[in-house]
Each structure stands twice: as structure tokens, then as C-alpha cells.
Amino acid sequence: MQPIVRVSILRCPPDRFGEMRQMMVELEQTLRPGIEEMPGFLAFYTGADEATSSLSNVSLWVDLDAAKQLDRFQPMLDSGKPFVDKGATFERPVMNYSTLWQMQSASRN
């Protein structure tokens, strides 16, 4: 069975990008412990792209049921409201991609 790649994208006003980027950085301490304990969790990456005024969460899960745990993870749900209150929008629905192929770096520098 191939893993599921879950992608959540937040778009924010360009003039609030720096503030929202910092908010996302600070969320790690709230979200990390619960996510790391979820069955089927493999990896989680949070990114920021100033050129598109967007922030992303990309995570890797063993299957769709495992990925959908984030739909019910209350700290994650609660974390979105402060962003929305400051003008952010979330692309919905959250995307859960079936893996078609994958690769990893042969050398881990």
C-alpha cells in the first residue's frame, strides 16, 4: 500500500504574510505532540511561500483513514481561527493524494 500525501494550503493578505508565517512557526509546539502520536503518521512539513502569500502543511500517512485524523484533531481545527480572523483563507477541501510514485535521495547529506 502506498502512503497518502495530505496537503492543506492557507492564503493570506500579502501585507500580513510575515505575521502569519510567524504564527505558523509558533503553532509547532501546540500541534507537534498530538500529531506525532497519531497512528499511521509518517512525516509532516510546514512551508511558506512569500511570492504567493501562502503557507502549507504537507503530511505523509500510511493510509487515508490515518490522514483524515487531522480532520478531527481539535488543536488543528482551533488553530485556523486566528488566521481567518486576520484575513486568511483555506483552500477546501483539504487534499488527500494517493501516491502514484515516489523517490528519495540516494545520498543524505
N, C-alpha and C. Protein backbone atom coordinates (compact mmCIF):
# COMPACT_ATOMS: atom_id res chain seq x y z
N MET A 1 0.84 -1.19 0.00
CA MET A 1 0.00 0.00 0.00
C MET A 1 0.89 1.25 0.00
N GLN A 2 0.57 2.19 -0.85
CA GLN A 2 1.33 3.44 -0.95
C GLN A 2 0.78 4.47 0.05
N PRO A 3 1.63 5.33 0.57
CA PRO A 3 1.18 6.34 1.53
C PRO A 3 0.28 7.40 0.90
N ILE A 4 -0.41 8.12 1.75
CA ILE A 4 -1.26 9.25 1.36
C ILE A 4 -0.50 10.55 1.66
N VAL A 5 -0.52 11.47 0.70
CA VAL A 5 0.08 12.79 0.87
C VAL A 5 -1.07 13.77 1.10
N ARG A 6 -1.09 14.36 2.27
CA ARG A 6 -2.15 15.31 2.64
C ARG A 6 -1.61 16.73 2.48
N VAL A 7 -2.39 17.59 1.80
CA VAL A 7 -1.95 18.95 1.52
C VAL A 7 -3.03 19.94 1.95
N SER A 8 -2.65 20.87 2.80
CA SER A 8 -3.54 21.94 3.22
C SER A 8 -2.85 23.27 2.91
N ILE A 9 -3.57 24.17 2.24
CA ILE A 9 -2.99 25.45 1.83
C ILE A 9 -3.79 26.61 2.41
N LEU A 10 -3.08 27.56 2.97
CA LEU A 10 -3.64 28.79 3.52
C LEU A 10 -3.12 29.95 2.68
N ARG A 11 -4.00 30.82 2.26
CA ARG A 11 -3.60 32.03 1.54
C ARG A 11 -3.89 33.22 2.43
N CYS A 12 -2.96 34.18 2.43
CA CYS A 12 -3.12 35.33 3.31
C CYS A 12 -2.87 36.63 2.56
N PRO A 13 -3.36 37.73 3.13
CA PRO A 13 -3.07 39.03 2.51
C PRO A 13 -1.55 39.26 2.50
N PRO A 14 -1.00 39.75 1.40
CA PRO A 14 0.46 39.94 1.31
C PRO A 14 1.03 40.78 2.45
N ASP A 15 0.29 41.77 2.90
CA ASP A 15 0.81 42.63 3.97
C ASP A 15 0.78 41.96 5.34
N ARG A 16 0.19 40.77 5.44
CA ARG A 16 0.14 40.03 6.71
C ARG A 16 0.96 38.74 6.64
N PHE A 17 1.65 38.54 5.53
CA PHE A 17 2.39 37.29 5.35
C PHE A 17 3.39 37.05 6.48
N GLY A 18 4.22 38.03 6.80
CA GLY A 18 5.23 37.86 7.84
C GLY A 18 4.62 37.49 9.18
N GLU A 19 3.54 38.15 9.52
CA GLU A 19 2.85 37.87 10.78
C GLU A 19 2.29 36.44 10.79
N MET A 20 1.66 36.04 9.69
CA MET A 20 1.07 34.70 9.64
C MET A 20 2.13 33.62 9.54
N ARG A 21 3.24 33.93 8.90
CA ARG A 21 4.36 32.98 8.87
C ARG A 21 4.83 32.72 10.30
N GLN A 22 4.98 33.77 11.09
CA GLN A 22 5.41 33.62 12.48
C GLN A 22 4.37 32.84 13.29
N MET A 23 3.10 33.12 13.05
CA MET A 23 2.03 32.37 13.74
C MET A 23 2.16 30.88 13.44
N MET A 24 2.45 30.55 12.18
CA MET A 24 2.59 29.14 11.79
C MET A 24 3.79 28.51 12.48
N VAL A 25 4.90 29.24 12.55
CA VAL A 25 6.09 28.73 13.24
C VAL A 25 5.74 28.41 14.70
N GLU A 26 5.02 29.30 15.35
CA GLU A 26 4.68 29.13 16.76
C GLU A 26 3.70 27.99 17.00
N LEU A 27 2.93 27.60 15.99
CA LEU A 27 1.98 26.50 16.14
C LEU A 27 2.65 25.15 16.34
N GLU A 28 3.89 25.04 15.92
CA GLU A 28 4.57 23.75 16.03
C GLU A 28 4.49 23.18 17.44
N GLN A 29 4.75 24.00 18.43
CA GLN A 29 4.76 23.48 19.81
C GLN A 29 3.40 22.99 20.26
N THR A 30 2.33 23.52 19.69
CA THR A 30 0.98 23.08 20.03
C THR A 30 0.58 21.82 19.28
N LEU A 31 0.93 21.76 17.99
CA LEU A 31 0.45 20.66 17.15
C LEU A 31 1.35 19.43 17.15
N ARG A 32 2.65 19.63 17.25
CA ARG A 32 3.60 18.52 17.11
C ARG A 32 3.31 17.33 18.04
N PRO A 33 3.13 17.52 19.34
CA PRO A 33 2.97 16.35 20.21
C PRO A 33 1.79 15.45 19.82
N GLY A 34 0.65 16.04 19.52
CA GLY A 34 -0.52 15.24 19.17
C GLY A 34 -0.38 14.55 17.82
N ILE A 35 0.16 15.25 16.85
CA ILE A 35 0.32 14.66 15.52
C ILE A 35 1.31 13.51 15.55
N GLU A 36 2.42 13.70 16.25
CA GLU A 36 3.43 12.63 16.31
C GLU A 36 2.89 11.35 16.94
N GLU A 37 1.89 11.45 17.77
CA GLU A 37 1.31 10.28 18.44
C GLU A 37 0.22 9.59 17.63
N MET A 38 -0.19 10.17 16.52
CA MET A 38 -1.30 9.60 15.74
C MET A 38 -0.86 8.32 15.03
N PRO A 39 -1.70 7.29 15.10
CA PRO A 39 -1.39 6.06 14.36
C PRO A 39 -1.29 6.34 12.86
N GLY A 40 -0.29 5.79 12.23
CA GLY A 40 -0.14 5.93 10.79
C GLY A 40 0.59 7.18 10.34
N PHE A 41 1.03 8.01 11.27
CA PHE A 41 1.77 9.23 10.92
C PHE A 41 3.17 8.86 10.44
N LEU A 42 3.59 9.47 9.31
CA LEU A 42 4.93 9.23 8.77
C LEU A 42 5.80 10.48 8.76
N ALA A 43 5.25 11.62 8.32
CA ALA A 43 6.05 12.85 8.22
C ALA A 43 5.12 14.06 8.12
N PHE A 44 5.65 15.24 8.47
CA PHE A 44 4.87 16.48 8.40
C PHE A 44 5.82 17.61 8.07
N TYR A 45 5.46 18.40 7.08
CA TYR A 45 6.25 19.56 6.66
C TYR A 45 5.34 20.78 6.61
N THR A 46 5.83 21.89 7.11
CA THR A 46 5.11 23.16 7.01
C THR A 46 5.98 24.09 6.19
N GLY A 47 5.36 24.77 5.22
CA GLY A 47 6.13 25.64 4.35
C GLY A 47 5.50 27.00 4.19
N ALA A 48 6.32 27.94 3.71
CA ALA A 48 5.87 29.30 3.48
C ALA A 48 6.42 29.77 2.14
N ASP A 49 5.55 30.41 1.34
CA ASP A 49 5.94 30.94 0.04
C ASP A 49 5.49 32.39 -0.03
N GLU A 50 6.42 33.29 0.20
CA GLU A 50 6.09 34.72 0.21
C GLU A 50 5.60 35.19 -1.16
N ALA A 51 6.12 34.62 -2.23
CA ALA A 51 5.72 35.04 -3.58
C ALA A 51 4.24 34.84 -3.85
N THR A 52 3.64 33.82 -3.21
CA THR A 52 2.21 33.55 -3.40
C THR A 52 1.40 33.86 -2.15
N SER A 53 2.04 34.45 -1.14
CA SER A 53 1.38 34.75 0.15
C SER A 53 0.62 33.52 0.66
N SER A 54 1.32 32.40 0.69
CA SER A 54 0.66 31.17 1.13
C SER A 54 1.54 30.39 2.09
N LEU A 55 0.88 29.62 2.92
CA LEU A 55 1.51 28.71 3.86
C LEU A 55 0.92 27.33 3.59
N SER A 56 1.70 26.30 3.81
CA SER A 56 1.19 24.96 3.53
C SER A 56 1.59 23.98 4.62
N ASN A 57 0.74 22.98 4.77
CA ASN A 57 1.04 21.81 5.58
C ASN A 57 0.97 20.63 4.64
N VAL A 58 2.04 19.88 4.57
CA VAL A 58 2.09 18.67 3.76
C VAL A 58 2.50 17.54 4.68
N SER A 59 1.67 16.51 4.74
CA SER A 59 1.98 15.41 5.63
C SER A 59 1.85 14.09 4.90
N LEU A 60 2.50 13.08 5.43
CA LEU A 60 2.54 11.76 4.83
C LEU A 60 1.98 10.76 5.84
N TRP A 61 1.06 9.92 5.37
CA TRP A 61 0.33 8.98 6.23
C TRP A 61 0.29 7.60 5.59
N VAL A 62 0.14 6.58 6.41
CA VAL A 62 0.13 5.22 5.87
C VAL A 62 -1.10 4.93 5.01
N ASP A 63 -2.23 5.57 5.32
CA ASP A 63 -3.44 5.36 4.54
C ASP A 63 -4.40 6.54 4.75
N LEU A 64 -5.51 6.53 4.02
CA LEU A 64 -6.45 7.64 4.05
C LEU A 64 -7.08 7.82 5.43
N ASP A 65 -7.42 6.72 6.09
CA ASP A 65 -8.00 6.84 7.43
C ASP A 65 -7.04 7.54 8.38
N ALA A 66 -5.78 7.20 8.30
CA ALA A 66 -4.78 7.86 9.16
C ALA A 66 -4.70 9.35 8.83
N ALA A 67 -4.67 9.70 7.55
CA ALA A 67 -4.58 11.10 7.14
C ALA A 67 -5.78 11.90 7.63
N LYS A 68 -6.94 11.30 7.60
CA LYS A 68 -8.17 12.01 7.97
C LYS A 68 -8.29 12.25 9.48
N GLN A 69 -7.36 11.71 10.26
CA GLN A 69 -7.37 12.04 11.69
C GLN A 69 -7.23 13.54 11.91
N LEU A 70 -6.52 14.21 11.01
CA LEU A 70 -6.35 15.66 11.16
C LEU A 70 -7.66 16.41 10.99
N ASP A 71 -8.64 15.81 10.31
CA ASP A 71 -9.95 16.44 10.18
C ASP A 71 -10.66 16.57 11.53
N ARG A 72 -10.25 15.74 12.49
CA ARG A 72 -10.90 15.71 13.81
C ARG A 72 -9.97 16.14 14.95
N PHE A 73 -8.75 16.50 14.62
CA PHE A 73 -7.77 16.86 15.64
C PHE A 73 -8.06 18.29 16.10
N GLN A 74 -8.65 18.40 17.29
CA GLN A 74 -9.15 19.69 17.76
C GLN A 74 -8.10 20.79 17.80
N PRO A 75 -6.87 20.54 18.25
CA PRO A 75 -5.87 21.62 18.22
C PRO A 75 -5.64 22.16 16.80
N MET A 76 -5.70 21.29 15.80
CA MET A 76 -5.54 21.74 14.41
C MET A 76 -6.75 22.58 14.00
N LEU A 77 -7.94 22.11 14.33
CA LEU A 77 -9.15 22.85 13.99
C LEU A 77 -9.16 24.22 14.66
N ASP A 78 -8.78 24.26 15.93
CA ASP A 78 -8.76 25.52 16.67
C ASP A 78 -7.70 26.49 16.13
N SER A 79 -6.63 25.95 15.58
CA SER A 79 -5.52 26.81 15.14
C SER A 79 -5.88 27.65 13.91
N GLY A 80 -6.88 27.26 13.16
CA GLY A 80 -7.23 28.01 11.96
C GLY A 80 -7.93 29.32 12.21
N LYS A 81 -8.69 29.41 13.30
CA LYS A 81 -9.50 30.61 13.56
C LYS A 81 -8.68 31.89 13.64
N PRO A 82 -7.57 31.94 14.36
CA PRO A 82 -6.78 33.18 14.40
C PRO A 82 -6.29 33.62 13.01
N PHE A 83 -6.00 32.68 12.14
CA PHE A 83 -5.59 33.03 10.78
C PHE A 83 -6.75 33.65 10.01
N VAL A 84 -7.91 33.01 10.10
CA VAL A 84 -9.10 33.52 9.41
C VAL A 84 -9.46 34.90 9.94
N ASP A 85 -9.36 35.09 11.26
CA ASP A 85 -9.67 36.39 11.87
C ASP A 85 -8.77 37.50 11.32
N LYS A 86 -7.59 37.13 10.82
CA LYS A 86 -6.64 38.11 10.27
C LYS A 86 -6.69 38.17 8.74
N GLY A 87 -7.70 37.53 8.15
CA GLY A 87 -7.91 37.65 6.72
C GLY A 87 -7.46 36.49 5.86
N ALA A 88 -6.99 35.41 6.45
CA ALA A 88 -6.54 34.25 5.68
C ALA A 88 -7.73 33.44 5.18
N THR A 89 -7.51 32.71 4.11
CA THR A 89 -8.49 31.75 3.62
C THR A 89 -7.79 30.41 3.43
N PHE A 90 -8.52 29.35 3.67
CA PHE A 90 -8.00 28.00 3.49
C PHE A 90 -8.62 27.40 2.24
N GLU A 91 -7.80 26.74 1.44
CA GLU A 91 -8.35 26.01 0.30
C GLU A 91 -9.03 24.76 0.85
N ARG A 92 -10.27 24.60 0.49
CA ARG A 92 -11.06 23.46 0.94
C ARG A 92 -11.72 22.80 -0.24
N PRO A 93 -11.84 21.50 -0.23
CA PRO A 93 -11.45 20.63 0.88
C PRO A 93 -9.94 20.42 0.93
N VAL A 94 -9.47 19.95 2.09
CA VAL A 94 -8.07 19.55 2.22
C VAL A 94 -7.86 18.39 1.25
N MET A 95 -6.72 18.36 0.58
CA MET A 95 -6.45 17.35 -0.43
C MET A 95 -5.68 16.17 0.17
N ASN A 96 -6.15 14.97 -0.12
CA ASN A 96 -5.50 13.74 0.31
C ASN A 96 -5.18 12.94 -0.95
N TYR A 97 -3.92 12.95 -1.33
CA TYR A 97 -3.49 12.35 -2.59
C TYR A 97 -3.01 10.92 -2.41
N SER A 98 -3.51 10.04 -3.26
CA SER A 98 -2.94 8.69 -3.34
C SER A 98 -1.58 8.82 -4.01
N THR A 99 -0.61 8.12 -3.51
CA THR A 99 0.74 8.18 -4.07
C THR A 99 0.79 7.38 -5.38
N LEU A 100 1.29 8.00 -6.43
CA LEU A 100 1.46 7.32 -7.71
C LEU A 100 2.87 6.76 -7.85
N TRP A 101 3.84 7.52 -7.39
CA TRP A 101 5.22 7.05 -7.33
C TRP A 101 5.97 7.93 -6.35
N GLN A 102 7.14 7.48 -5.97
CA GLN A 102 7.93 8.24 -5.00
C GLN A 102 9.42 8.00 -5.25
N MET A 103 10.22 8.90 -4.71
CA MET A 103 11.66 8.73 -4.76
C MET A 103 12.26 9.40 -3.52
N GLN A 104 13.44 9.00 -3.19
CA GLN A 104 14.19 9.58 -2.09
C GLN A 104 15.61 9.77 -2.55
N SER A 105 16.26 10.74 -1.95
CA SER A 105 17.65 10.99 -2.27
C SER A 105 18.50 9.79 -1.89
N ALA A 106 19.38 9.39 -2.79
CA ALA A 106 20.27 8.28 -2.51
C ALA A 106 21.33 8.67 -1.49
N SER A 107 21.70 9.95 -1.50
CA SER A 107 22.71 10.41 -0.54
C SER A 107 22.05 11.40 0.42
N ARG A 108 22.17 11.15 1.65
CA ARG A 108 21.59 12.01 2.71
C ARG A 108 22.69 12.90 3.26
N ASN A 109 22.90 14.06 2.63
CA ASN A 109 23.96 14.99 3.05
C ASN A 109 23.50 15.82 4.22
